[in-house]
Amino acid sequence: MGESKEFTSLEEEVFKALDHQIRRDILRYIGEGKKPTFTDIMNATRSPDSPTLSYHLRNLALFLEQKEGKYDLNHIGKAAYALLLRTTAYDRVALL
């Protein structure tokens, strides 16, 4: 029973993090493999200010790792990034 609750919590955390367009944009940008800095992400996503970007990065913590001031995706982040790419590709095909 405890495992089910943990799984549900992880599931809820993943979908809550991906629920916001800015966070999905951040995940896509980091997923491109450039290992961006905070400033790179802020400029690329046109975030209005540092506190707003910090808030979104905290919500994405499950997907990210940070080394020497640069962000990268961990294994869960890579899976989420792949899912985002697939859904984007599906949307484009559906439009045709």
PDB file of N, CA and C in Angstrom:
ATOM      1  N   MET A   1       0.830  -1.193   0.000  1.00  0.00           N
ATOM      2  CA  MET A   1       0.000   0.000   0.000  1.00  0.00           C
ATOM      3  C   MET A   1       0.871   1.252   0.000  1.00  0.00           C
ATOM      4  N   GLY A   2       1.980   1.235   0.754  1.00  0.00           N
ATOM      5  CA  GLY A   2       2.870   2.383   0.811  1.00  0.00           C
ATOM      6  C   GLY A   2       3.495   2.700  -0.534  1.00  0.00           C
ATOM      7  N   GLU A   3       3.815   1.644  -1.309  1.00  0.00           N
ATOM      8  CA  GLU A   3       4.401   1.854  -2.635  1.00  0.00           C
ATOM      9  C   GLU A   3       3.428   2.576  -3.542  1.00  0.00           C
ATOM     10  N   SER A   4       2.161   2.226  -3.471  1.00  0.00           N
ATOM     11  CA  SER A   4       1.148   2.854  -4.304  1.00  0.00           C
ATOM     12  C   SER A   4       1.063   4.348  -4.010  1.00  0.00           C
ATOM     13  N   LYS A   5       1.099   4.708  -2.731  1.00  0.00           N
ATOM     14  CA  LYS A   5       1.039   6.118  -2.352  1.00  0.00           C
ATOM     15  C   LYS A   5       2.281   6.854  -2.852  1.00  0.00           C
ATOM     16  N   GLU A   6       3.454   6.233  -2.733  1.00  0.00           N
ATOM     17  CA  GLU A   6       4.681   6.852  -3.227  1.00  0.00           C
ATOM     18  C   GLU A   6       4.609   7.041  -4.739  1.00  0.00           C
ATOM     19  N   PHE A   7       4.110   6.035  -5.445  1.00  0.00           N
ATOM     20  CA  PHE A   7       3.991   6.123  -6.903  1.00  0.00           C
ATOM     21  C   PHE A   7       3.028   7.240  -7.275  1.00  0.00           C
ATOM     22  N   THR A   8       1.891   7.309  -6.586  1.00  0.00           N
ATOM     23  CA  THR A   8       0.916   8.352  -6.857  1.00  0.00           C
ATOM     24  C   THR A   8       1.535   9.721  -6.603  1.00  0.00           C
ATOM     25  N   SER A   9       2.299   9.850  -5.551  1.00  0.00           N
ATOM     26  CA  SER A   9       2.934  11.128  -5.251  1.00  0.00           C
ATOM     27  C   SER A   9       3.925  11.518  -6.337  1.00  0.00           C
ATOM     28  N   LEU A  10       4.711  10.562  -6.801  1.00  0.00           N
ATOM     29  CA  LEU A  10       5.656  10.834  -7.881  1.00  0.00           C
ATOM     30  C   LEU A  10       4.902  11.199  -9.151  1.00  0.00           C
ATOM     31  N   GLU A  11       3.858  10.426  -9.442  1.00  0.00           N
ATOM     32  CA  GLU A  11       3.050  10.701 -10.627  1.00  0.00           C
ATOM     33  C   GLU A  11       2.462  12.111 -10.556  1.00  0.00           C
ATOM     34  N   GLU A  12       1.903  12.452  -9.425  1.00  0.00           N
ATOM     35  CA  GLU A  12       1.311  13.782  -9.254  1.00  0.00           C
ATOM     36  C   GLU A  12       2.365  14.871  -9.395  1.00  0.00           C
ATOM     37  N   GLU A  13       3.532  14.637  -8.833  1.00  0.00           N
ATOM     38  CA  GLU A  13       4.614  15.611  -8.901  1.00  0.00           C
ATOM     39  C   GLU A  13       5.064  15.826 -10.352  1.00  0.00           C
ATOM     40  N   VAL A  14       5.181  14.739 -11.110  1.00  0.00           N
ATOM     41  CA  VAL A  14       5.600  14.837 -12.511  1.00  0.00           C
ATOM     42  C   VAL A  14       4.591  15.645 -13.310  1.00  0.00           C
ATOM     43  N   PHE A  15       3.318  15.289 -13.193  1.00  0.00           N
ATOM     44  CA  PHE A  15       2.317  15.978 -14.003  1.00  0.00           C
ATOM     45  C   PHE A  15       2.079  17.414 -13.548  1.00  0.00           C
ATOM     46  N   LYS A  16       2.228  17.673 -12.270  1.00  0.00           N
ATOM     47  CA  LYS A  16       2.109  19.055 -11.794  1.00  0.00           C
ATOM     48  C   LYS A  16       3.248  19.902 -12.365  1.00  0.00           C
ATOM     49  N   ALA A  17       4.451  19.350 -12.390  1.00  0.00           N
ATOM     50  CA  ALA A  17       5.604  20.090 -12.925  1.00  0.00           C
ATOM     51  C   ALA A  17       5.431  20.382 -14.409  1.00  0.00           C
ATOM     52  N   LEU A  18       4.834  19.450 -15.136  1.00  0.00           N
ATOM     53  CA  LEU A  18       4.665  19.617 -16.584  1.00  0.00           C
ATOM     54  C   LEU A  18       3.380  20.362 -16.948  1.00  0.00           C
ATOM     55  N   ASP A  19       2.639  20.778 -15.946  1.00  0.00           N
ATOM     56  CA  ASP A  19       1.349  21.426 -16.162  1.00  0.00           C
ATOM     57  C   ASP A  19       1.466  22.871 -16.663  1.00  0.00           C
ATOM     58  N   HIS A  20       2.630  23.455 -16.601  1.00  0.00           N
ATOM     59  CA  HIS A  20       2.808  24.871 -16.961  1.00  0.00           C
ATOM     60  C   HIS A  20       3.662  24.999 -18.229  1.00  0.00           C
ATOM     61  N   GLN A  21       3.203  25.807 -19.169  1.00  0.00           N
ATOM     62  CA  GLN A  21       3.901  25.953 -20.450  1.00  0.00           C
ATOM     63  C   GLN A  21       5.340  26.437 -20.277  1.00  0.00           C
ATOM     64  N   ILE A  22       5.570  27.371 -19.374  1.00  0.00           N
ATOM     65  CA  ILE A  22       6.936  27.875 -19.177  1.00  0.00           C
ATOM     66  C   ILE A  22       7.860  26.744 -18.719  1.00  0.00           C
ATOM     67  N   ARG A  23       7.369  25.895 -17.827  1.00  0.00           N
ATOM     68  CA  ARG A  23       8.204  24.784 -17.359  1.00  0.00           C
ATOM     69  C   ARG A  23       8.480  23.798 -18.495  1.00  0.00           C
ATOM     70  N   ARG A  24       7.493  23.556 -19.338  1.00  0.00           N
ATOM     71  CA  ARG A  24       7.736  22.676 -20.493  1.00  0.00           C
ATOM     72  C   ARG A  24       8.758  23.312 -21.434  1.00  0.00           C
ATOM     73  N   ASP A  25       8.679  24.627 -21.623  1.00  0.00           N
ATOM     74  CA  ASP A  25       9.658  25.328 -22.460  1.00  0.00           C
ATOM     75  C   ASP A  25      11.067  25.226 -21.869  1.00  0.00           C
ATOM     76  N   ILE A  26      11.165  25.376 -20.557  1.00  0.00           N
ATOM     77  CA  ILE A  26      12.462  25.260 -19.872  1.00  0.00           C
ATOM     78  C   ILE A  26      13.013  23.851 -20.060  1.00  0.00           C
ATOM     79  N   LEU A  27      12.170  22.850 -19.860  1.00  0.00           N
ATOM     80  CA  LEU A  27      12.598  21.460 -20.015  1.00  0.00           C
ATOM     81  C   LEU A  27      13.072  21.188 -21.442  1.00  0.00           C
ATOM     82  N   ARG A  28      12.353  21.694 -22.431  1.00  0.00           N
ATOM     83  CA  ARG A  28      12.775  21.519 -23.826  1.00  0.00           C
ATOM     84  C   ARG A  28      14.126  22.187 -24.068  1.00  0.00           C
ATOM     85  N   TYR A  29      14.282  23.404 -23.553  1.00  0.00           N
ATOM     86  CA  TYR A  29      15.533  24.143 -23.765  1.00  0.00           C
ATOM     87  C   TYR A  29      16.718  23.402 -23.147  1.00  0.00           C
ATOM     88  N   ILE A  30      16.562  22.963 -21.924  1.00  0.00           N
ATOM     89  CA  ILE A  30      17.644  22.223 -21.263  1.00  0.00           C
ATOM     90  C   ILE A  30      17.874  20.895 -21.982  1.00  0.00           C
ATOM     91  N   GLY A  31      16.810  20.285 -22.459  1.00  0.00           N
ATOM     92  CA  GLY A  31      16.906  19.010 -23.155  1.00  0.00           C
ATOM     93  C   GLY A  31      17.673  19.063 -24.464  1.00  0.00           C
ATOM     94  N   GLU A  32      17.846  20.252 -25.015  1.00  0.00           N
ATOM     95  CA  GLU A  32      18.615  20.387 -26.250  1.00  0.00           C
ATOM     96  C   GLU A  32      20.091  20.059 -26.044  1.00  0.00           C
ATOM     97  N   GLY A  33      20.506  19.906 -24.800  1.00  0.00           N
ATOM     98  CA  GLY A  33      21.850  19.436 -24.496  1.00  0.00           C
ATOM     99  C   GLY A  33      22.921  20.508 -24.425  1.00  0.00           C
ATOM    100  N   LYS A  34      22.519  21.756 -24.293  1.00  0.00           N
ATOM    101  CA  LYS A  34      23.499  22.846 -24.254  1.00  0.00           C
ATOM    102  C   LYS A  34      24.057  23.099 -22.861  1.00  0.00           C
ATOM    103  N   LYS A  35      23.481  22.419 -21.858  1.00  0.00           N
ATOM    104  CA  LYS A  35      23.877  22.619 -20.457  1.00  0.00           C
ATOM    105  C   LYS A  35      23.915  24.115 -20.108  1.00  0.00           C
ATOM    106  N   PRO A  36      22.746  24.751 -20.160  1.00  0.00           N
ATOM    107  CA  PRO A  36      22.668  26.197 -19.951  1.00  0.00           C
ATOM    108  C   PRO A  36      22.836  26.615 -18.495  1.00  0.00           C
ATOM    109  N   THR A  37      23.195  27.869 -18.329  1.00  0.00           N
ATOM    110  CA  THR A  37      23.236  28.492 -17.016  1.00  0.00           C
ATOM    111  C   THR A  37      21.857  29.084 -16.722  1.00  0.00           C
ATOM    112  N   PHE A  38      21.683  29.562 -15.513  1.00  0.00           N
ATOM    113  CA  PHE A  38      20.444  30.227 -15.118  1.00  0.00           C
ATOM    114  C   PHE A  38      20.150  31.381 -16.079  1.00  0.00           C
ATOM    115  N   THR A  39      21.162  32.189 -16.368  1.00  0.00           N
ATOM    116  CA  THR A  39      20.990  33.345 -17.257  1.00  0.00           C
ATOM    117  C   THR A  39      20.614  32.912 -18.670  1.00  0.00           C
ATOM    118  N   ASP A  40      21.240  31.842 -19.161  1.00  0.00           N
ATOM    119  CA  ASP A  40      20.886  31.317 -20.483  1.00  0.00           C
ATOM    120  C   ASP A  40      19.412  30.940 -20.539  1.00  0.00           C
ATOM    121  N   ILE A  41      18.958  30.256 -19.505  1.00  0.00           N
ATOM    122  CA  ILE A  41      17.556  29.821 -19.453  1.00  0.00           C
ATOM    123  C   ILE A  41      16.640  31.030 -19.380  1.00  0.00           C
ATOM    124  N   MET A  42      17.016  31.998 -18.570  1.00  0.00           N
ATOM    125  CA  MET A  42      16.195  33.202 -18.420  1.00  0.00           C
ATOM    126  C   MET A  42      16.046  33.924 -19.757  1.00  0.00           C
ATOM    127  N   ASN A  43      17.139  34.060 -20.477  1.00  0.00           N
ATOM    128  CA  ASN A  43      17.089  34.738 -21.774  1.00  0.00           C
ATOM    129  C   ASN A  43      16.312  33.934 -22.813  1.00  0.00           C
ATOM    130  N   ALA A  44      16.507  32.639 -22.834  1.00  0.00           N
ATOM    131  CA  ALA A  44      15.866  31.787 -23.841  1.00  0.00           C
ATOM    132  C   ALA A  44      14.354  31.684 -23.636  1.00  0.00           C
ATOM    133  N   THR A  45      13.924  31.696 -22.390  1.00  0.00           N
ATOM    134  CA  THR A  45      12.496  31.540 -22.103  1.00  0.00           C
ATOM    135  C   THR A  45      11.801  32.883 -21.895  1.00  0.00           C
ATOM    136  N   ARG A  46      12.561  33.944 -22.006  1.00  0.00           N
ATOM    137  CA  ARG A  46      12.026  35.297 -21.798  1.00  0.00           C
ATOM    138  C   ARG A  46      11.283  35.414 -20.468  1.00  0.00           C
ATOM    139  N   SER A  47      11.880  34.800 -19.458  1.00  0.00           N
ATOM    140  CA  SER A  47      11.303  34.858 -18.121  1.00  0.00           C
ATOM    141  C   SER A  47      11.318  36.309 -17.642  1.00  0.00           C
ATOM    142  N   PRO A  48      10.238  36.764 -16.996  1.00  0.00           N
ATOM    143  CA  PRO A  48      10.158  38.171 -16.608  1.00  0.00           C
ATOM    144  C   PRO A  48      11.174  38.600 -15.551  1.00  0.00           C
ATOM    145  N   ASP A  49      11.578  37.662 -14.674  1.00  0.00           N
ATOM    146  CA  ASP A  49      12.531  38.021 -13.624  1.00  0.00           C
ATOM    147  C   ASP A  49      13.120  36.768 -12.991  1.00  0.00           C
ATOM    148  N   SER A  50      14.167  36.967 -12.206  1.00  0.00           N
ATOM    149  CA  SER A  50      14.859  35.848 -11.549  1.00  0.00           C
ATOM    150  C   SER A  50      13.968  35.060 -10.595  1.00  0.00           C
ATOM    151  N   PRO A  51      13.167  35.721  -9.746  1.00  0.00           N
ATOM    152  CA  PRO A  51      12.329  34.942  -8.836  1.00  0.00           C
ATOM    153  C   PRO A  51      11.334  34.031  -9.569  1.00  0.00           C
ATOM    154  N   THR A  52      10.796  34.500 -10.679  1.00  0.00           N
ATOM    155  CA  THR A  52       9.858  33.680 -11.442  1.00  0.00           C
ATOM    156  C   THR A  52      10.563  32.459 -12.013  1.00  0.00           C
ATOM    157  N   LEU A  53      11.739  32.659 -12.584  1.00  0.00           N
ATOM    158  CA  LEU A  53      12.489  31.532 -13.131  1.00  0.00           C
ATOM    159  C   LEU A  53      12.897  30.578 -12.008  1.00  0.00           C
ATOM    160  N   SER A  54      13.341  31.099 -10.890  1.00  0.00           N
ATOM    161  CA  SER A  54      13.708  30.251  -9.750  1.00  0.00           C
ATOM    162  C   SER A  54      12.532  29.390  -9.315  1.00  0.00           C
ATOM    163  N   TYR A  55      11.351  29.977  -9.281  1.00  0.00           N
ATOM    164  CA  TYR A  55      10.136  29.241  -8.917  1.00  0.00           C
ATOM    165  C   TYR A  55       9.921  28.064  -9.878  1.00  0.00           C
ATOM    166  N   HIS A  56      10.022  28.332 -11.172  1.00  0.00           N
ATOM    167  CA  HIS A  56       9.798  27.276 -12.160  1.00  0.00           C
ATOM    168  C   HIS A  56      10.887  26.208 -12.097  1.00  0.00           C
ATOM    169  N   LEU A  57      12.123  26.609 -11.879  1.00  0.00           N
ATOM    170  CA  LEU A  57      13.209  25.625 -11.760  1.00  0.00           C
ATOM    171  C   LEU A  57      13.025  24.744 -10.520  1.00  0.00           C
ATOM    172  N   ARG A  58      12.548  25.324  -9.423  1.00  0.00           N
ATOM    173  CA  ARG A  58      12.262  24.526  -8.221  1.00  0.00           C
ATOM    174  C   ARG A  58      11.186  23.480  -8.527  1.00  0.00           C
ATOM    175  N   ASN A  59      10.186  23.870  -9.315  1.00  0.00           N
ATOM    176  CA  ASN A  59       9.128  22.938  -9.687  1.00  0.00           C
ATOM    177  C   ASN A  59       9.623  21.840 -10.616  1.00  0.00           C
ATOM    178  N   LEU A  60      10.723  22.097 -11.305  1.00  0.00           N
ATOM    179  CA  LEU A  60      11.316  21.119 -12.216  1.00  0.00           C
ATOM    180  C   LEU A  60      12.449  20.321 -11.572  1.00  0.00           C
ATOM    181  N   ALA A  61      12.682  20.505 -10.290  1.00  0.00           N
ATOM    182  CA  ALA A  61      13.823  19.878  -9.603  1.00  0.00           C
ATOM    183  C   ALA A  61      13.857  18.361  -9.783  1.00  0.00           C
ATOM    184  N   LEU A  62      12.701  17.744  -9.884  1.00  0.00           N
ATOM    185  CA  LEU A  62      12.616  16.299 -10.087  1.00  0.00           C
ATOM    186  C   LEU A  62      13.310  15.864 -11.379  1.00  0.00           C
ATOM    187  N   PHE A  63      13.385  16.750 -12.356  1.00  0.00           N
ATOM    188  CA  PHE A  63      13.920  16.436 -13.681  1.00  0.00           C
ATOM    189  C   PHE A  63      15.357  16.907 -13.909  1.00  0.00           C
ATOM    190  N   LEU A  64      15.862  17.729 -13.007  1.00  0.00           N
ATOM    191  CA  LEU A  64      17.111  18.436 -13.273  1.00  0.00           C
ATOM    192  C   LEU A  64      18.248  18.034 -12.359  1.00  0.00           C
ATOM    193  N   GLU A  65      19.444  18.267 -12.852  1.00  0.00           N
ATOM    194  CA  GLU A  65      20.639  18.228 -12.022  1.00  0.00           C
ATOM    195  C   GLU A  65      21.440  19.470 -12.385  1.00  0.00           C
ATOM    196  N   GLN A  66      22.169  19.962 -11.407  1.00  0.00           N
ATOM    197  CA  GLN A  66      22.952  21.174 -11.620  1.00  0.00           C
ATOM    198  C   GLN A  66      24.383  20.913 -11.178  1.00  0.00           C
ATOM    199  N   LYS A  67      25.315  21.193 -12.084  1.00  0.00           N
ATOM    200  CA  LYS A  67      26.731  21.035 -11.791  1.00  0.00           C
ATOM    201  C   LYS A  67      27.463  22.267 -12.290  1.00  0.00           C
ATOM    202  N   GLU A  68      28.255  22.839 -11.406  1.00  0.00           N
ATOM    203  CA  GLU A  68      29.064  24.015 -11.744  1.00  0.00           C
ATOM    204  C   GLU A  68      28.223  25.123 -12.382  1.00  0.00           C
ATOM    205  N   GLY A  69      27.015  25.312 -11.858  1.00  0.00           N
ATOM    206  CA  GLY A  69      26.159  26.385 -12.325  1.00  0.00           C
ATOM    207  C   GLY A  69      25.462  26.122 -13.647  1.00  0.00           C
ATOM    208  N   LYS A  70      25.552  24.889 -14.146  1.00  0.00           N
ATOM    209  CA  LYS A  70      24.905  24.548 -15.416  1.00  0.00           C
ATOM    210  C   LYS A  70      23.857  23.476 -15.173  1.00  0.00           C
ATOM    211  N   TYR A  71      22.767  23.578 -15.912  1.00  0.00           N
ATOM    212  CA  TYR A  71      21.654  22.656 -15.751  1.00  0.00           C
ATOM    213  C   TYR A  71      21.693  21.570 -16.818  1.00  0.00           C
ATOM    214  N   ASP A  72      21.261  20.377 -16.401  1.00  0.00           N
ATOM    215  CA  ASP A  72      21.134  19.252 -17.325  1.00  0.00           C
ATOM    216  C   ASP A  72      19.951  18.413 -16.845  1.00  0.00           C
ATOM    217  N   LEU A  73      19.490  17.515 -17.701  1.00  0.00           N
ATOM    218  CA  LEU A  73      18.397  16.628 -17.337  1.00  0.00           C
ATOM    219  C   LEU A  73      18.939  15.352 -16.705  1.00  0.00           C
ATOM    220  N   ASN A  74      18.278  14.891 -15.660  1.00  0.00           N
ATOM    221  CA  ASN A  74      18.598  13.586 -15.098  1.00  0.00           C
ATOM    222  C   ASN A  74      17.800  12.536 -15.872  1.00  0.00           C
ATOM    223  N   HIS A  75      17.797  11.285 -15.425  1.00  0.00           N
ATOM    224  CA  HIS A  75      17.111  10.240 -16.194  1.00  0.00           C
ATOM    225  C   HIS A  75      15.607  10.475 -16.293  1.00  0.00           C
ATOM    226  N   ILE A  76      14.972  10.967 -15.256  1.00  0.00           N
ATOM    227  CA  ILE A  76      13.531  11.274 -15.321  1.00  0.00           C
ATOM    228  C   ILE A  76      13.304  12.461 -16.252  1.00  0.00           C
ATOM    229  N   GLY A  77      14.199  13.442 -16.195  1.00  0.00           N
ATOM    230  CA  GLY A  77      14.097  14.602 -17.072  1.00  0.00           C
ATOM    231  C   GLY A  77      14.230  14.232 -18.539  1.00  0.00           C
ATOM    232  N   LYS A  78      15.127  13.297 -18.835  1.00  0.00           N
ATOM    233  CA  LYS A  78      15.291  12.851 -20.220  1.00  0.00           C
ATOM    234  C   LYS A  78      14.041  12.138 -20.721  1.00  0.00           C
ATOM    235  N   ALA A  79      13.411  11.359 -19.857  1.00  0.00           N
ATOM    236  CA  ALA A  79      12.175  10.686 -20.235  1.00  0.00           C
ATOM    237  C   ALA A  79      11.052  11.703 -20.468  1.00  0.00           C
ATOM    238  N   ALA A  80      10.972  12.705 -19.601  1.00  0.00           N
ATOM    239  CA  ALA A  80       9.957  13.747 -19.764  1.00  0.00           C
ATOM    240  C   ALA A  80      10.206  14.546 -21.043  1.00  0.00           C
ATOM    241  N   TYR A  81      11.468  14.839 -21.324  1.00  0.00           N
ATOM    242  CA  TYR A  81      11.828  15.556 -22.550  1.00  0.00           C
ATOM    243  C   TYR A  81      11.431  14.743 -23.788  1.00  0.00           C
ATOM    244  N   ALA A  82      11.701  13.448 -23.768  1.00  0.00           N
ATOM    245  CA  ALA A  82      11.317  12.582 -24.886  1.00  0.00           C
ATOM    246  C   ALA A  82       9.800  12.582 -25.069  1.00  0.00           C
ATOM    247  N   LEU A  83       9.066  12.557 -23.960  1.00  0.00           N
ATOM    248  CA  LEU A  83       7.610  12.610 -24.035  1.00  0.00           C
ATOM    249  C   LEU A  83       7.144  13.926 -24.653  1.00  0.00           C
ATOM    250  N   LEU A  84       7.750  15.029 -24.246  1.00  0.00           N
ATOM    251  CA  LEU A  84       7.389  16.332 -24.819  1.00  0.00           C
ATOM    252  C   LEU A  84       7.659  16.361 -26.319  1.00  0.00           C
ATOM    253  N   LEU A  85       8.786  15.810 -26.738  1.00  0.00           N
ATOM    254  CA  LEU A  85       9.098  15.777 -28.170  1.00  0.00           C
ATOM    255  C   LEU A  85       8.072  14.941 -28.928  1.00  0.00           C
ATOM    256  N   ARG A  86       7.696  13.813 -28.356  1.00  0.00           N
ATOM    257  CA  ARG A  86       6.709  12.945 -29.018  1.00  0.00           C
ATOM    258  C   ARG A  86       5.349  13.622 -29.116  1.00  0.00           C
ATOM    259  N   THR A  87       4.924  14.300 -28.063  1.00  0.00           N
ATOM    260  CA  THR A  87       3.618  14.953 -28.104  1.00  0.00           C
ATOM    261  C   THR A  87       3.621  16.114 -29.080  1.00  0.00           C
ATOM    262  N   THR A  88       4.734  16.821 -29.175  1.00  0.00           N
ATOM    263  CA  THR A  88       4.850  17.913 -30.142  1.00  0.00           C
ATOM    264  C   THR A  88       4.779  17.361 -31.555  1.00  0.00           C
ATOM    265  N   ALA A  89       5.492  16.273 -31.813  1.00  0.00           N
ATOM    266  CA  ALA A  89       5.473  15.647 -33.138  1.00  0.00           C
ATOM    267  C   ALA A  89       4.069  15.149 -33.465  1.00  0.00           C
ATOM    268  N   TYR A  90       3.394  14.581 -32.489  1.00  0.00           N
ATOM    269  CA  TYR A  90       2.027  14.096 -32.707  1.00  0.00           C
ATOM    270  C   TYR A  90       1.088  15.244 -33.045  1.00  0.00           C
ATOM    271  N   ASP A  91       1.225  16.365 -32.330  1.00  0.00           N
ATOM    272  CA  ASP A  91       0.399  17.546 -32.608  1.00  0.00           C
ATOM    273  C   ASP A  91       0.579  18.001 -34.047  1.00  0.00           C
ATOM    274  N   ARG A  92       1.818  18.001 -34.532  1.00  0.00           N
ATOM    275  CA  ARG A  92       2.087  18.435 -35.897  1.00  0.00           C
ATOM    276  C   ARG A  92       1.469  17.494 -36.917  1.00  0.00           C
ATOM    277  N   VAL A  93       1.552  16.204 -36.667  1.00  0.00           N
ATOM    278  CA  VAL A  93       0.950  15.217 -37.570  1.00  0.00           C
ATOM    279  C   VAL A  93      -0.572  15.354 -37.558  1.00  0.00           C
ATOM    280  N   ALA A  94      -1.147  15.580 -36.385  1.00  0.00           N
ATOM    281  CA  ALA A  94      -2.600  15.706 -36.264  1.00  0.00           C
ATOM    282  C   ALA A  94      -3.117  16.922 -37.026  1.00  0.00           C
ATOM    283  N   LEU A  95      -2.300  17.965 -37.139  1.00  0.00           N
ATOM    284  CA  LEU A  95      -2.708  19.162 -37.869  1.00  0.00           C
ATOM    285  C   LEU A  95      -2.777  18.934 -39.367  1.00  0.00           C
ATOM    286  N   LEU A  96      -2.008  17.970 -39.861  1.00  0.00           N
ATOM    287  CA  LEU A  96      -1.999  17.681 -41.295  1.00  0.00           C
ATOM    288  C   LEU A  96      -3.227  16.924 -41.625  1.00  0.00           C
TER     289      LEU A  96
END
